[in-house]
Amino acid sequence: MAANPNQKSAAASQTIDILMEISRLLNTGLDEETMAICLRLCESGVNPEALAEVIRELRRETANIK
């Protein structure tokens, strides 16, 4: 039996909530929008380790500019 759109939306929201809690526990500093973008990228096939390295590099560059 296929899930209805409301069930899919609730499941997606719960997934983001769980990932945000993990993110907070790990002190990643990612906000909900950024986490959702990262999740979509990973679902599209982006290597999570490469994505994490890009985020770290962007943070280093931002810190250097400041």
N, C-alpha and C. Protein backbone atom coordinates (compact mmCIF):
# COMPACT_ATOMS: atom_id res chain seq x y z
N MET A 1 0.85 -1.17 0.00
CA MET A 1 0.00 0.00 0.00
C MET A 1 0.90 1.25 0.00
N ALA A 2 0.65 2.16 -0.88
CA ALA A 2 1.44 3.38 -1.02
C ALA A 2 1.02 4.39 0.05
N ALA A 3 2.01 5.13 0.54
CA ALA A 3 1.74 6.16 1.54
C ALA A 3 1.10 7.37 0.87
N ASN A 4 0.17 7.99 1.56
CA ASN A 4 -0.45 9.18 0.99
C ASN A 4 0.49 10.37 1.18
N PRO A 5 0.22 11.47 0.47
CA PRO A 5 1.11 12.63 0.55
C PRO A 5 1.30 13.17 1.97
N ASN A 6 0.27 13.12 2.80
CA ASN A 6 0.40 13.60 4.18
C ASN A 6 1.37 12.73 4.97
N GLN A 7 1.33 11.41 4.75
CA GLN A 7 2.25 10.52 5.44
C GLN A 7 3.68 10.75 4.98
N LYS A 8 3.86 10.97 3.69
CA LYS A 8 5.20 11.23 3.15
C LYS A 8 5.75 12.54 3.72
N SER A 9 4.90 13.56 3.79
CA SER A 9 5.32 14.85 4.33
C SER A 9 5.69 14.73 5.80
N ALA A 10 4.91 13.99 6.55
CA ALA A 10 5.19 13.79 7.98
C ALA A 10 6.50 13.03 8.16
N ALA A 11 6.73 12.03 7.32
CA ALA A 11 7.96 11.24 7.40
C ALA A 11 9.17 12.11 7.05
N ALA A 12 9.04 12.94 6.03
CA ALA A 12 10.14 13.83 5.64
C ALA A 12 10.44 14.83 6.75
N SER A 13 9.41 15.36 7.36
CA SER A 13 9.58 16.32 8.46
C SER A 13 10.24 15.64 9.65
N GLN A 14 9.85 14.43 9.95
CA GLN A 14 10.45 13.69 11.06
C GLN A 14 11.92 13.39 10.78
N THR A 15 12.24 13.07 9.53
CA THR A 15 13.63 12.81 9.15
C THR A 15 14.48 14.05 9.36
N ILE A 16 14.00 15.20 8.91
CA ILE A 16 14.74 16.45 9.09
C ILE A 16 14.90 16.76 10.58
N ASP A 17 13.85 16.54 11.37
CA ASP A 17 13.93 16.79 12.81
C ASP A 17 15.00 15.92 13.46
N ILE A 18 15.05 14.64 13.09
CA ILE A 18 16.05 13.72 13.64
C ILE A 18 17.45 14.14 13.21
N LEU A 19 17.62 14.47 11.94
CA LEU A 19 18.93 14.89 11.45
C LEU A 19 19.37 16.20 12.12
N MET A 20 18.44 17.10 12.36
CA MET A 20 18.79 18.36 13.03
C MET A 20 19.23 18.09 14.47
N GLU A 21 18.58 17.15 15.14
CA GLU A 21 18.99 16.82 16.50
C GLU A 21 20.39 16.22 16.51
N ILE A 22 20.68 15.34 15.58
CA ILE A 22 22.02 14.77 15.45
C ILE A 22 23.02 15.89 15.15
N SER A 23 22.65 16.78 14.26
CA SER A 23 23.51 17.91 13.90
C SER A 23 23.83 18.77 15.12
N ARG A 24 22.81 19.04 15.94
CA ARG A 24 23.03 19.83 17.16
C ARG A 24 23.94 19.10 18.13
N LEU A 25 23.73 17.80 18.29
CA LEU A 25 24.56 17.02 19.20
C LEU A 25 26.03 17.00 18.76
N LEU A 26 26.24 17.02 17.46
CA LEU A 26 27.60 17.01 16.91
C LEU A 26 28.17 18.41 16.71
N ASN A 27 27.39 19.43 17.07
CA ASN A 27 27.83 20.83 16.92
C ASN A 27 28.29 21.15 15.50
N THR A 28 27.51 20.75 14.51
CA THR A 28 27.89 21.01 13.12
C THR A 28 27.70 22.47 12.73
N GLY A 29 26.78 23.16 13.41
CA GLY A 29 26.51 24.55 13.07
C GLY A 29 25.64 24.71 11.84
N LEU A 30 25.07 23.61 11.35
CA LEU A 30 24.20 23.70 10.18
C LEU A 30 22.79 24.08 10.61
N ASP A 31 22.19 25.01 9.86
CA ASP A 31 20.80 25.35 10.14
C ASP A 31 19.91 24.37 9.37
N GLU A 32 18.61 24.47 9.61
CA GLU A 32 17.68 23.51 9.01
C GLU A 32 17.68 23.58 7.48
N GLU A 33 17.76 24.78 6.93
CA GLU A 33 17.76 24.93 5.48
C GLU A 33 19.01 24.29 4.87
N THR A 34 20.16 24.54 5.48
CA THR A 34 21.40 23.97 4.98
C THR A 34 21.38 22.45 5.10
N MET A 35 20.85 21.94 6.22
CA MET A 35 20.75 20.50 6.41
C MET A 35 19.86 19.89 5.33
N ALA A 36 18.75 20.53 5.02
CA ALA A 36 17.84 20.02 3.99
C ALA A 36 18.53 20.00 2.62
N ILE A 37 19.31 21.04 2.33
CA ILE A 37 20.04 21.09 1.06
C ILE A 37 21.05 19.95 1.00
N CYS A 38 21.79 19.76 2.09
CA CYS A 38 22.77 18.67 2.13
C CYS A 38 22.10 17.31 1.96
N LEU A 39 20.96 17.13 2.59
CA LEU A 39 20.22 15.88 2.46
C LEU A 39 19.80 15.64 1.01
N ARG A 40 19.27 16.68 0.36
CA ARG A 40 18.86 16.54 -1.05
C ARG A 40 20.06 16.23 -1.94
N LEU A 41 21.20 16.86 -1.67
CA LEU A 41 22.40 16.58 -2.46
C LEU A 41 22.83 15.13 -2.29
N CYS A 42 22.82 14.65 -1.05
CA CYS A 42 23.20 13.25 -0.81
C CYS A 42 22.22 12.29 -1.47
N GLU A 43 20.94 12.61 -1.41
CA GLU A 43 19.93 11.78 -2.06
C GLU A 43 20.12 11.77 -3.58
N SER A 44 20.73 12.84 -4.11
CA SER A 44 20.97 12.93 -5.55
C SER A 44 22.29 12.28 -5.97
N GLY A 45 23.01 11.73 -4.99
CA GLY A 45 24.22 11.00 -5.33
C GLY A 45 25.52 11.68 -4.98
N VAL A 46 25.48 12.85 -4.36
CA VAL A 46 26.70 13.53 -3.97
C VAL A 46 27.35 12.74 -2.83
N ASN A 47 28.65 12.58 -2.90
CA ASN A 47 29.40 11.88 -1.87
C ASN A 47 29.35 12.69 -0.57
N PRO A 48 28.83 12.12 0.53
CA PRO A 48 28.70 12.86 1.78
C PRO A 48 30.04 13.35 2.34
N GLU A 49 31.08 12.55 2.18
CA GLU A 49 32.40 12.97 2.68
C GLU A 49 32.93 14.16 1.89
N ALA A 50 32.72 14.14 0.59
CA ALA A 50 33.14 15.26 -0.24
C ALA A 50 32.34 16.51 0.10
N LEU A 51 31.06 16.34 0.35
CA LEU A 51 30.20 17.47 0.72
C LEU A 51 30.66 18.06 2.06
N ALA A 52 30.99 17.21 3.02
CA ALA A 52 31.48 17.69 4.32
C ALA A 52 32.78 18.47 4.14
N GLU A 53 33.66 17.98 3.27
CA GLU A 53 34.93 18.68 3.04
C GLU A 53 34.69 20.04 2.40
N VAL A 54 33.76 20.14 1.48
CA VAL A 54 33.43 21.43 0.85
C VAL A 54 32.91 22.40 1.91
N ILE A 55 32.06 21.93 2.79
CA ILE A 55 31.52 22.79 3.85
C ILE A 55 32.64 23.28 4.76
N ARG A 56 33.54 22.38 5.14
CA ARG A 56 34.68 22.78 5.98
C ARG A 56 35.55 23.82 5.27
N GLU A 57 35.80 23.60 3.99
CA GLU A 57 36.62 24.55 3.22
C GLU A 57 35.94 25.91 3.11
N LEU A 58 34.65 25.92 2.87
CA LEU A 58 33.91 27.18 2.80
C LEU A 58 33.97 27.92 4.13
N ARG A 59 33.88 27.19 5.22
CA ARG A 59 33.97 27.82 6.54
C ARG A 59 35.35 28.40 6.78
N ARG A 60 36.40 27.67 6.35
CA ARG A 60 37.76 28.18 6.50
C ARG A 60 37.94 29.46 5.70
N GLU A 61 37.47 29.46 4.47
CA GLU A 61 37.60 30.64 3.61
C GLU A 61 36.81 31.82 4.18
N THR A 62 35.63 31.55 4.70
CA THR A 62 34.82 32.61 5.30
C THR A 62 35.53 33.20 6.52
N ALA A 63 36.13 32.34 7.34
CA ALA A 63 36.86 32.80 8.51
C ALA A 63 38.07 33.64 8.10
N ASN A 64 38.74 33.26 7.01
CA ASN A 64 39.90 34.02 6.53
C ASN A 64 39.49 35.41 6.04
N ILE A 65 38.33 35.51 5.45
CA ILE A 65 37.85 36.79 4.94
C ILE A 65 37.52 37.72 6.11
N LYS A 66 36.97 37.16 7.16
CA LYS A 66 36.61 37.97 8.33
C LYS A 66 37.85 38.37 9.04
